[in-house]
Amino acid sequence: MTDILTSVPAAPNSGGADAERTIRHNDRTHVLHSWSAQAKIDPLPVEGGQGSTFWDYQGNSYLDFGAQLVNLNLGHQHPDLVKAIQEQAGKMATIQPAFANDVRGELAALIASKAPGNLNKVFFTNGGAEANENAVRMARAFTGKSKILAQYRSYHGATSTAMQLTGDPRRWANEPGAASVAHFFGPYAYRSPFHSSTPEEESARALEHLESVIVLEGASTIGGIIIETVVGTNGILVPPPGYLPGVRALCDKYGIVYIADEVMAGFGRIGEWFAVDAFDVVPDLISFAKGVNSGYVPLGGVVMSDEIAAIFDEKPYPGGLTYSGHPLACAPGVATFKVFERDGVLAHVRDLGNRVVRPILESWLAKHPSVGEVRGQGLFWAVELVTNQESREPLVPFNAAGEAARPMAEVVAACKARGVWPMTNNNRIHICPPLIITEEELRAGLDAIGEALAVADGFVR
């Protein structure tokens, strides 16, 4: 078995058993955890982290192959980000958004400098859900039309409008919602809803479907279409050739605002500042969060085109947040840009994705009968597990829980036993470690997951 624990920093043992008991007691007694039945979970107390690794109070270290929630792009305790927060706290800890602030303005200028086309102005939020809420607000204000189209396989956040935009099962318990939203099928070649046989065919048929939805929902009612540039939690679905430019063309044809949700895919995750750069398309709005400052302090936002920004020159923007552009959040954002440039992070991500991740994952297709498909780009990949490669039956049913989810639970346990903390959803393992992961760490983690796939192979029939 791969011994990853020898290749990561030794876990400190400063807290001890007493500290862990106190943490567990307080957590289970007083903390309500998201998306969970509280009596059925047992959160791991984490003592610390460094780089691509974190550790618990019992001396166990784990490679963080989910970058927490795909937000820790520069890893745990990056010294430049920590220093930026410390220095900003000593200079000015907070200021309300009605004032001009040096670090807020600097970060906005940096973001605009990397955004495509004429997206030159930034509205800051506290995270991705609020970014999507405000992107929708801007689209509606700009077009005067209220309806928004979103994909079924999507996640856009847990606030009211963002939750209604979301296509996955987390929306169900939050319905009905007041937002005017209609859903459509995006491209998913491996499980094509359009019975396509090639990526190009999938793209064309998905665009035909989307145009039909626009016509049937009423183009005169649709203010925006929101799409994760690379679908994240719901499958790491890389758009096929021509799909996103086709969406852009449909938006232009029918007077609809194109919103690119890059909360997860932006800021280096696929090896580009903004993921749309890899697909030759310029949206009207880009929502962002997570990787902009690795989540060290909550921060998100919307980058908007000059045309959309201009409508708020003479009339007030109908939204605001107490902590919009908080200095303690913007400071590590500015530091992030400096680290990316100095350390060649984007090139590092592209190199590891193409030279290390892709060939290893593709080799699993032959080695493991439980691997149905691998897909991704940069350090953003999915391994889709099946019970039969020919029928493509998922290892666990859609939205499985309890005993039905046991096969994936056993695979996850096997990964953790080998020193890797994976990110999974439904029948997939997602490979999305911090962008600063070393090649040695990446190979060790992938080797451990490869060994854990023997557990999934045991369920093949």
Protein backbone atom coordinates (compact mmCIF):
# COMPACT_ATOMS: atom_id res chain seq x y z
CA MET A 1 0.00 0.00 0.00
CA THR A 2 1.25 3.48 -0.84
CA ASP A 3 2.55 5.15 2.31
CA ILE A 4 1.62 8.77 1.72
CA LEU A 5 2.06 9.67 5.37
CA THR A 6 5.83 9.53 4.95
CA SER A 7 5.75 12.07 2.10
CA VAL A 8 3.80 14.84 3.82
CA PRO A 9 4.70 17.07 6.77
CA ALA A 10 4.56 15.33 10.11
CA ALA A 11 1.40 16.23 11.99
CA PRO A 12 2.01 18.26 15.17
CA ASN A 13 0.67 16.79 18.37
CA SER A 14 0.14 19.97 20.33
CA GLY A 15 -3.57 19.58 21.00
CA GLY A 16 -3.82 16.08 22.31
CA ALA A 17 -6.81 13.98 23.27
CA ASP A 18 -8.27 16.56 25.66
CA ALA A 19 -8.42 19.22 22.96
CA GLU A 20 -10.04 16.80 20.52
CA ARG A 21 -12.69 15.80 23.06
CA THR A 22 -13.56 19.44 23.71
CA ILE A 23 -13.79 20.21 20.00
CA ARG A 24 -16.02 17.21 19.36
CA HIS A 25 -18.29 18.08 22.29
CA ASN A 26 -18.74 21.70 21.24
CA ASP A 27 -19.26 20.76 17.62
CA ARG A 28 -21.85 18.06 18.21
CA THR A 29 -23.65 20.09 20.88
CA HIS A 30 -23.74 23.52 19.30
CA VAL A 31 -22.85 23.50 15.55
CA LEU A 32 -25.39 22.84 12.81
CA HIS A 33 -23.59 21.51 9.73
CA SER A 34 -24.77 22.23 6.20
CA TRP A 35 -26.45 19.63 3.97
CA SER A 36 -26.42 17.02 6.75
CA ALA A 37 -28.66 15.04 9.06
CA GLN A 38 -26.86 16.01 12.25
CA ALA A 39 -27.22 12.66 14.05
CA LYS A 40 -25.64 10.82 11.10
CA ILE A 41 -22.37 12.72 10.84
CA ASP A 42 -19.14 12.73 12.83
CA PRO A 43 -16.99 15.68 11.65
CA LEU A 44 -13.25 15.16 11.92
CA PRO A 45 -11.52 17.70 14.20
CA VAL A 46 -8.68 19.23 12.18
CA GLU A 47 -5.67 20.63 14.00
CA GLY A 48 -3.83 22.32 11.16
CA GLY A 49 -2.68 22.33 7.58
CA GLN A 50 0.27 23.25 5.39
CA GLY A 51 0.42 23.36 1.62
CA SER A 52 -1.50 20.43 0.17
CA THR A 53 -1.84 18.63 3.50
CA PHE A 54 -3.92 18.85 6.65
CA TRP A 55 -3.85 16.77 9.82
CA ASP A 56 -6.06 15.72 12.72
CA TYR A 57 -5.38 15.56 16.47
CA GLN A 58 -4.33 11.91 16.33
CA GLY A 59 -1.33 12.51 14.10
CA ASN A 60 -2.97 11.45 10.84
CA SER A 61 -2.07 13.55 7.78
CA TYR A 62 -4.11 13.73 4.58
CA LEU A 63 -3.42 15.03 1.11
CA ASP A 64 -6.26 17.47 0.46
CA PHE A 65 -7.50 16.23 -2.93
CA GLY A 66 -10.61 18.40 -2.79
CA ALA A 67 -8.75 21.62 -1.89
CA GLN A 68 -11.37 21.74 0.88
CA LEU A 69 -14.36 22.80 -1.27
CA VAL A 70 -12.30 23.45 -4.41
CA ASN A 71 -11.41 26.84 -3.02
CA LEU A 72 -8.00 26.37 -1.43
CA ASN A 73 -6.14 27.00 -4.69
CA LEU A 74 -2.93 28.16 -3.03
CA GLY A 75 -3.10 25.58 -0.26
CA HIS A 76 -3.17 25.72 3.50
CA GLN A 77 -1.36 28.53 5.30
CA HIS A 78 0.32 30.05 2.27
CA PRO A 79 2.81 32.51 3.82
CA ASP A 80 2.12 35.31 1.31
CA LEU A 81 -1.63 35.21 1.92
CA VAL A 82 -1.25 34.98 5.69
CA LYS A 83 1.19 37.91 5.67
CA ALA A 84 -1.16 40.00 3.52
CA ILE A 85 -4.01 39.51 6.01
CA GLN A 86 -1.77 40.31 8.97
CA GLU A 87 -0.42 43.48 7.38
CA GLN A 88 -3.87 44.63 6.31
CA ALA A 89 -5.26 44.02 9.80
CA GLY A 90 -2.51 46.22 11.21
CA LYS A 91 -3.24 48.94 8.67
CA MET A 92 -7.05 48.97 8.40
CA ALA A 93 -9.12 46.00 9.45
CA THR A 94 -12.39 47.14 7.89
CA ILE A 95 -14.11 49.99 6.10
CA GLN A 96 -17.63 50.17 4.73
CA PRO A 97 -18.13 49.86 0.97
CA ALA A 98 -19.26 53.46 0.40
CA PHE A 99 -15.67 54.63 0.84
CA ALA A 100 -12.86 54.16 -1.65
CA ASN A 101 -10.23 51.79 -0.35
CA ASP A 102 -6.75 51.11 -1.71
CA VAL A 103 -6.66 47.31 -1.54
CA ARG A 104 -10.25 46.94 -2.76
CA GLY A 105 -9.54 49.11 -5.78
CA GLU A 106 -6.25 47.36 -6.48
CA LEU A 107 -7.88 43.94 -6.49
CA ALA A 108 -10.71 45.13 -8.74
CA ALA A 109 -8.15 46.50 -11.20
CA LEU A 110 -6.22 43.23 -11.16
CA ILE A 111 -9.36 41.16 -11.77
CA ALA A 112 -10.44 43.44 -14.62
CA SER A 113 -6.97 43.19 -16.17
CA LYS A 114 -7.37 39.41 -16.49
CA ALA A 115 -11.05 39.34 -17.45
CA PRO A 116 -11.83 38.87 -21.16
CA GLY A 117 -13.29 41.45 -23.51
CA ASN A 118 -14.55 44.66 -21.94
CA LEU A 119 -15.42 43.26 -18.53
CA ASN A 120 -13.86 46.08 -16.56
CA LYS A 121 -15.87 46.69 -13.41
CA VAL A 122 -16.24 44.52 -10.30
CA PHE A 123 -18.94 44.28 -7.65
CA PHE A 124 -17.65 42.44 -4.59
CA THR A 125 -19.68 39.99 -2.50
CA ASN A 126 -18.97 37.65 0.39
CA GLY A 127 -19.00 34.46 -1.67
CA GLY A 128 -20.19 32.62 -4.74
CA ALA A 129 -23.90 32.40 -3.96
CA GLU A 130 -24.12 36.16 -3.46
CA ALA A 131 -22.10 36.66 -6.64
CA ASN A 132 -24.70 34.70 -8.61
CA GLU A 133 -27.55 36.51 -6.87
CA ASN A 134 -26.11 39.83 -7.99
CA ALA A 135 -25.25 38.62 -11.48
CA VAL A 136 -28.90 37.71 -11.95
CA ARG A 137 -29.95 41.09 -10.55
CA MET A 138 -27.69 42.82 -13.06
CA ALA A 139 -28.99 40.76 -15.97
CA ARG A 140 -32.58 41.55 -15.06
CA ALA A 141 -31.84 45.25 -14.63
CA PHE A 142 -30.02 45.40 -17.96
CA THR A 143 -32.61 43.54 -20.05
CA GLY A 144 -35.81 44.37 -18.18
CA LYS A 145 -36.62 40.64 -18.38
CA SER A 146 -36.97 38.45 -15.30
CA LYS A 147 -36.61 34.80 -16.33
CA ILE A 148 -33.24 33.04 -16.01
CA LEU A 149 -32.26 29.75 -17.65
CA ALA A 150 -29.90 27.35 -15.86
CA GLN A 151 -28.70 23.80 -16.41
CA TYR A 152 -30.07 20.80 -14.55
CA ARG A 153 -26.57 19.59 -13.72
CA SER A 154 -25.47 22.69 -11.86
CA TYR A 155 -24.88 24.22 -8.47
CA HIS A 156 -25.00 28.00 -8.07
CA GLY A 157 -25.32 28.50 -4.30
CA ALA A 158 -27.65 28.17 -1.34
CA THR A 159 -29.19 31.65 -1.12
CA SER A 160 -32.71 32.08 -2.46
CA THR A 161 -32.23 32.89 -6.16
CA ALA A 162 -28.98 30.92 -6.41
CA MET A 163 -30.74 27.86 -5.00
CA GLN A 164 -33.53 28.12 -7.56
CA LEU A 165 -30.89 28.36 -10.30
CA THR A 166 -29.30 25.17 -9.00
CA GLY A 167 -30.26 22.03 -10.87
CA ASP A 168 -29.08 19.33 -8.48
CA PRO A 169 -31.14 17.68 -5.70
CA ARG A 170 -30.22 20.29 -3.10
CA ARG A 171 -32.85 22.50 -4.72
CA TRP A 172 -35.71 20.09 -4.08
CA ALA A 173 -36.12 20.71 -0.35
CA ASN A 174 -35.99 24.48 -0.93
CA GLU A 175 -38.91 24.61 -3.36
CA PRO A 176 -41.07 26.37 -4.20
CA GLY A 177 -38.94 29.41 -4.84
CA ALA A 178 -39.95 32.89 -5.90
CA ALA A 179 -37.28 33.29 -8.58
CA SER A 180 -38.38 32.91 -12.20
CA VAL A 181 -36.08 30.10 -13.37
CA ALA A 182 -36.32 27.39 -16.03
CA HIS A 183 -33.84 24.54 -16.45
CA PHE A 184 -32.37 22.87 -19.51
CA PHE A 185 -29.98 20.01 -20.33
CA GLY A 186 -26.37 20.91 -20.88
CA PRO A 187 -23.93 18.70 -22.80
CA TYR A 188 -22.81 15.48 -21.08
CA ALA A 189 -21.40 13.22 -23.78
CA TYR A 190 -20.88 10.16 -21.55
CA ARG A 191 -24.56 10.12 -20.54
CA SER A 192 -25.93 12.13 -23.43
CA PRO A 193 -29.57 13.17 -23.11
CA PHE A 194 -29.43 13.74 -26.87
CA HIS A 195 -28.16 10.24 -27.84
CA SER A 196 -25.07 11.77 -29.41
CA SER A 197 -22.14 9.70 -30.62
CA THR A 198 -19.41 12.40 -30.82
CA PRO A 199 -18.54 15.53 -28.83
CA GLU A 200 -19.34 17.67 -31.88
CA GLU A 201 -22.76 16.06 -32.22
CA GLU A 202 -23.38 16.54 -28.51
CA SER A 203 -22.54 20.23 -28.83
CA ALA A 204 -24.83 20.76 -31.82
CA ARG A 205 -27.76 18.88 -30.28
CA ALA A 206 -27.35 20.58 -26.91
CA LEU A 207 -27.49 23.97 -28.64
CA GLU A 208 -30.59 22.92 -30.60
CA HIS A 209 -32.21 21.91 -27.34
CA LEU A 210 -31.28 25.18 -25.65
CA GLU A 211 -32.72 27.22 -28.50
CA SER A 212 -35.94 25.22 -28.27
CA VAL A 213 -36.15 26.01 -24.55
CA ILE A 214 -35.57 29.71 -25.28
CA VAL A 215 -38.36 29.72 -27.86
CA LEU A 216 -40.80 27.73 -25.73
CA GLU A 217 -40.09 29.72 -22.54
CA GLY A 218 -40.36 32.96 -24.50
CA ALA A 219 -37.24 34.86 -25.47
CA SER A 220 -39.03 38.08 -24.56
CA THR A 221 -39.17 36.87 -20.93
CA ILE A 222 -35.59 35.62 -20.55
CA GLY A 223 -33.04 38.01 -19.05
CA GLY A 224 -30.10 35.68 -18.62
CA ILE A 225 -28.59 32.25 -19.11
CA ILE A 226 -26.21 31.13 -16.37
CA ILE A 227 -23.73 28.30 -17.02
CA GLU A 228 -20.80 26.98 -15.03
CA THR A 229 -18.00 27.24 -17.59
CA VAL A 230 -16.86 23.80 -16.47
CA VAL A 231 -19.64 22.18 -14.44
CA GLY A 232 -18.17 21.55 -10.99
CA THR A 233 -19.85 19.54 -8.26
CA ASN A 234 -22.27 17.96 -10.71
CA GLY A 235 -19.68 16.17 -12.77
CA ILE A 236 -16.70 18.31 -13.86
CA LEU A 237 -18.23 18.45 -17.32
CA VAL A 238 -15.91 20.14 -19.81
CA PRO A 239 -17.98 21.74 -22.59
CA PRO A 240 -17.55 20.11 -26.01
CA PRO A 241 -16.11 22.07 -28.95
CA GLY A 242 -18.29 24.99 -30.02
CA TYR A 243 -20.82 24.76 -27.20
CA LEU A 244 -20.02 27.92 -25.26
CA PRO A 245 -19.53 30.06 -28.40
CA GLY A 246 -22.90 28.67 -29.49
CA VAL A 247 -24.46 29.81 -26.22
CA ARG A 248 -22.93 33.24 -26.79
CA ALA A 249 -24.48 33.36 -30.28
CA LEU A 250 -27.92 32.39 -28.94
CA CYS A 251 -27.70 35.08 -26.26
CA ASP A 252 -26.84 37.67 -28.91
CA LYS A 253 -29.63 36.47 -31.17
CA TYR A 254 -32.34 36.71 -28.52
CA GLY A 255 -31.09 39.64 -26.42
CA ILE A 256 -30.14 37.54 -23.39
CA VAL A 257 -27.29 38.17 -20.93
CA TYR A 258 -24.72 35.36 -20.77
CA ILE A 259 -23.57 34.76 -17.18
CA ALA A 260 -20.49 32.57 -16.68
CA ASP A 261 -20.39 31.04 -13.20
CA GLU A 262 -16.68 30.64 -12.47
CA VAL A 263 -16.94 30.35 -8.71
CA MET A 264 -15.21 26.96 -8.89
CA ALA A 265 -13.53 26.90 -12.32
CA GLY A 266 -11.95 30.36 -12.21
CA PHE A 267 -8.61 31.57 -10.90
CA GLY A 268 -6.37 28.85 -12.21
CA ARG A 269 -8.36 25.68 -11.61
CA ILE A 270 -8.10 24.61 -15.27
CA GLY A 271 -4.88 26.53 -15.95
CA GLU A 272 -6.45 29.86 -16.97
CA TRP A 273 -7.23 33.01 -15.03
CA PHE A 274 -10.83 32.63 -16.16
CA ALA A 275 -11.98 29.30 -17.57
CA VAL A 276 -13.82 30.97 -20.48
CA ASP A 277 -10.40 31.84 -21.91
CA ALA A 278 -9.95 28.15 -22.77
CA PHE A 279 -13.15 28.08 -24.83
CA ASP A 280 -12.89 31.22 -26.98
CA VAL A 281 -15.91 32.99 -25.54
CA VAL A 282 -16.60 36.30 -23.79
CA PRO A 283 -19.63 36.40 -21.48
CA ASP A 284 -21.42 39.52 -20.28
CA LEU A 285 -20.96 38.73 -16.60
CA ILE A 286 -18.56 36.45 -14.70
CA SER A 287 -19.28 35.43 -11.12
CA PHE A 288 -16.28 34.39 -9.03
CA ALA A 289 -15.25 33.47 -5.47
CA LYS A 290 -13.21 30.60 -3.95
CA GLY A 291 -9.83 30.77 -5.74
CA VAL A 292 -9.72 34.57 -5.85
CA ASN A 293 -8.09 34.45 -2.40
CA SER A 294 -8.27 30.71 -1.60
CA GLY A 295 -11.08 31.38 0.84
CA TYR A 296 -8.75 32.71 3.52
CA VAL A 297 -11.39 35.38 4.17
CA PRO A 298 -14.83 35.09 2.49
CA LEU A 299 -14.88 36.93 -0.86
CA GLY A 300 -16.70 36.73 -4.17
CA GLY A 301 -17.90 39.06 -6.86
CA VAL A 302 -19.16 39.79 -10.35
CA VAL A 303 -17.10 41.17 -13.24
CA MET A 304 -19.39 43.02 -15.66
CA SER A 305 -19.15 44.37 -19.18
CA ASP A 306 -18.93 48.09 -19.82
CA GLU A 307 -22.44 48.03 -21.28
CA ILE A 308 -23.97 46.54 -18.15
CA ALA A 309 -21.91 48.74 -15.83
CA ALA A 310 -23.05 51.84 -17.73
CA ILE A 311 -26.71 51.43 -16.82
CA PHE A 312 -25.79 52.14 -13.21
CA ASP A 313 -24.07 55.43 -14.05
CA GLU A 314 -27.25 57.47 -13.70
CA LYS A 315 -29.50 55.14 -11.70
CA PRO A 316 -28.52 53.45 -8.44
CA TYR A 317 -27.50 49.83 -8.41
CA PRO A 318 -30.29 48.08 -6.44
CA GLY A 319 -28.09 46.00 -4.17
CA GLY A 320 -25.38 46.14 -1.55
CA LEU A 321 -23.61 44.30 1.24
CA THR A 322 -22.09 45.56 4.49
CA TYR A 323 -18.87 43.69 3.78
CA SER A 324 -18.61 44.22 0.02
CA GLY A 325 -14.91 44.39 -0.82
CA HIS A 326 -13.80 43.83 2.78
CA PRO A 327 -10.12 44.85 3.11
CA LEU A 328 -9.13 41.68 4.98
CA ALA A 329 -10.54 39.63 2.10
CA CYS A 330 -9.13 41.78 -0.69
CA ALA A 331 -5.59 41.79 0.69
CA PRO A 332 -5.00 38.04 0.16
CA GLY A 333 -6.71 38.48 -3.22
CA VAL A 334 -4.02 40.95 -4.29
CA ALA A 335 -1.38 38.61 -2.88
CA THR A 336 -2.89 35.76 -4.93
CA PHE A 337 -2.19 37.61 -8.17
CA LYS A 338 1.40 38.18 -7.15
CA VAL A 339 1.91 34.52 -6.23
CA PHE A 340 0.35 33.32 -9.48
CA GLU A 341 2.68 35.52 -11.53
CA ARG A 342 5.84 34.94 -9.51
CA ASP A 343 5.47 31.17 -9.18
CA GLY A 344 4.03 30.40 -12.61
CA VAL A 345 0.95 28.77 -11.13
CA LEU A 346 -1.05 28.62 -14.38
CA ALA A 347 1.77 26.88 -16.26
CA HIS A 348 2.23 24.51 -13.31
CA VAL A 349 -1.45 23.55 -13.40
CA ARG A 350 -1.47 22.98 -17.17
CA ASP A 351 1.72 20.91 -16.98
CA LEU A 352 0.52 18.66 -14.15
CA GLY A 353 -2.88 18.24 -15.74
CA ASN A 354 -1.55 17.20 -19.14
CA ARG A 355 1.61 15.34 -18.17
CA VAL A 356 0.59 13.66 -14.90
CA VAL A 357 -3.14 13.56 -14.24
CA ARG A 358 -4.47 12.82 -17.73
CA PRO A 359 -2.26 9.78 -18.50
CA ILE A 360 -2.66 8.27 -15.05
CA LEU A 361 -6.44 8.61 -15.04
CA GLU A 362 -6.71 7.32 -18.61
CA SER A 363 -4.66 4.27 -17.62
CA TRP A 364 -7.33 3.45 -15.02
CA LEU A 365 -9.85 2.84 -17.81
CA ALA A 366 -7.98 -0.36 -18.70
CA LYS A 367 -6.81 -1.29 -15.20
CA HIS A 368 -10.10 -0.87 -13.33
CA PRO A 369 -13.41 -2.24 -14.63
CA SER A 370 -15.19 0.16 -12.27
CA VAL A 371 -13.89 3.23 -14.13
CA GLY A 372 -16.35 4.23 -16.82
CA GLU A 373 -14.96 7.61 -17.87
CA VAL A 374 -12.33 10.15 -16.83
CA ARG A 375 -12.60 13.77 -17.90
CA GLY A 376 -11.24 17.15 -16.97
CA GLN A 377 -8.64 19.82 -17.54
CA GLY A 378 -5.83 21.35 -15.48
CA LEU A 379 -6.34 20.19 -11.88
CA PHE A 380 -10.10 19.71 -12.25
CA TRP A 381 -11.01 16.09 -13.05
CA ALA A 382 -13.74 13.52 -12.50
CA VAL A 383 -13.48 9.74 -12.36
CA GLU A 384 -16.90 8.24 -13.05
CA LEU A 385 -17.39 4.86 -11.39
CA VAL A 386 -19.71 2.20 -12.80
CA THR A 387 -20.78 -1.36 -12.13
CA ASN A 388 -20.38 -2.22 -15.82
CA GLN A 389 -18.33 -0.35 -18.41
CA GLU A 390 -20.59 -1.40 -21.28
CA SER A 391 -23.95 -0.52 -19.71
CA ARG A 392 -22.43 2.48 -17.87
CA GLU A 393 -24.63 1.77 -14.84
CA PRO A 394 -23.42 4.09 -12.05
CA LEU A 395 -21.68 2.52 -9.07
CA VAL A 396 -24.42 4.06 -6.92
CA PRO A 397 -27.80 5.44 -8.01
CA PHE A 398 -28.33 9.16 -8.54
CA ASN A 399 -28.65 10.97 -5.21
CA ALA A 400 -28.05 7.72 -3.31
CA ALA A 401 -28.18 7.65 0.48
CA GLY A 402 -27.86 5.06 3.22
CA GLU A 403 -27.21 1.49 2.10
CA ALA A 404 -27.55 2.46 -1.56
CA ALA A 405 -24.52 4.73 -1.18
CA ARG A 406 -22.37 2.09 0.57
CA PRO A 407 -20.08 1.28 -2.40
CA MET A 408 -18.93 4.89 -2.68
CA ALA A 409 -18.60 5.16 1.10
CA GLU A 410 -16.24 2.19 1.05
CA VAL A 411 -14.16 3.71 -1.75
CA VAL A 412 -13.90 6.96 0.21
CA ALA A 413 -12.84 5.09 3.35
CA ALA A 414 -10.15 3.28 1.36
CA CYS A 415 -8.79 6.62 0.10
CA LYS A 416 -8.67 8.07 3.61
CA ALA A 417 -6.96 4.96 4.94
CA ARG A 418 -4.22 5.64 2.40
CA GLY A 419 -3.76 9.25 3.46
CA VAL A 420 -5.88 11.01 0.83
CA TRP A 421 -8.99 13.03 1.64
CA PRO A 422 -11.03 12.83 -1.58
CA MET A 423 -13.88 14.91 -2.92
CA THR A 424 -16.77 12.80 -4.19
CA ASN A 425 -20.29 13.34 -5.49
CA ASN A 426 -22.76 10.61 -6.44
CA ASN A 427 -20.73 7.97 -8.33
CA ARG A 428 -17.67 10.15 -8.98
CA ILE A 429 -14.32 10.88 -7.43
CA HIS A 430 -13.23 14.43 -8.19
CA ILE A 431 -9.52 15.19 -8.51
CA CYS A 432 -9.06 18.84 -7.56
CA PRO A 433 -6.12 19.36 -5.17
CA PRO A 434 -4.53 22.72 -4.36
CA LEU A 435 -2.90 24.24 -7.42
CA ILE A 436 0.46 24.43 -5.64
CA ILE A 437 0.63 20.66 -5.13
CA THR A 438 4.01 19.17 -6.01
CA GLU A 439 4.38 16.47 -8.64
CA GLU A 440 5.53 14.04 -5.93
CA GLU A 441 2.44 14.71 -3.84
CA LEU A 442 0.15 14.51 -6.85
CA ARG A 443 1.55 11.17 -7.99
CA ALA A 444 1.42 9.76 -4.47
CA GLY A 445 -2.20 10.82 -4.08
CA LEU A 446 -3.21 9.40 -7.44
CA ASP A 447 -1.43 6.13 -6.64
CA ALA A 448 -3.39 5.89 -3.40
CA ILE A 449 -6.71 6.55 -5.16
CA GLY A 450 -5.75 4.00 -7.81
CA GLU A 451 -5.28 1.42 -5.07
CA ALA A 452 -8.61 2.37 -3.50
CA LEU A 453 -10.34 1.70 -6.81
CA ALA A 454 -9.86 -2.01 -6.12
CA VAL A 455 -12.74 -1.58 -3.70
CA ALA A 456 -14.95 -0.19 -6.48
CA ASP A 457 -13.84 -3.04 -8.76
CA GLY A 458 -15.33 -5.42 -6.23
CA PHE A 459 -18.81 -4.13 -7.03
CA VAL A 460 -18.50 -4.63 -10.78
CA ARG A 461 -20.93 -7.12 -12.27
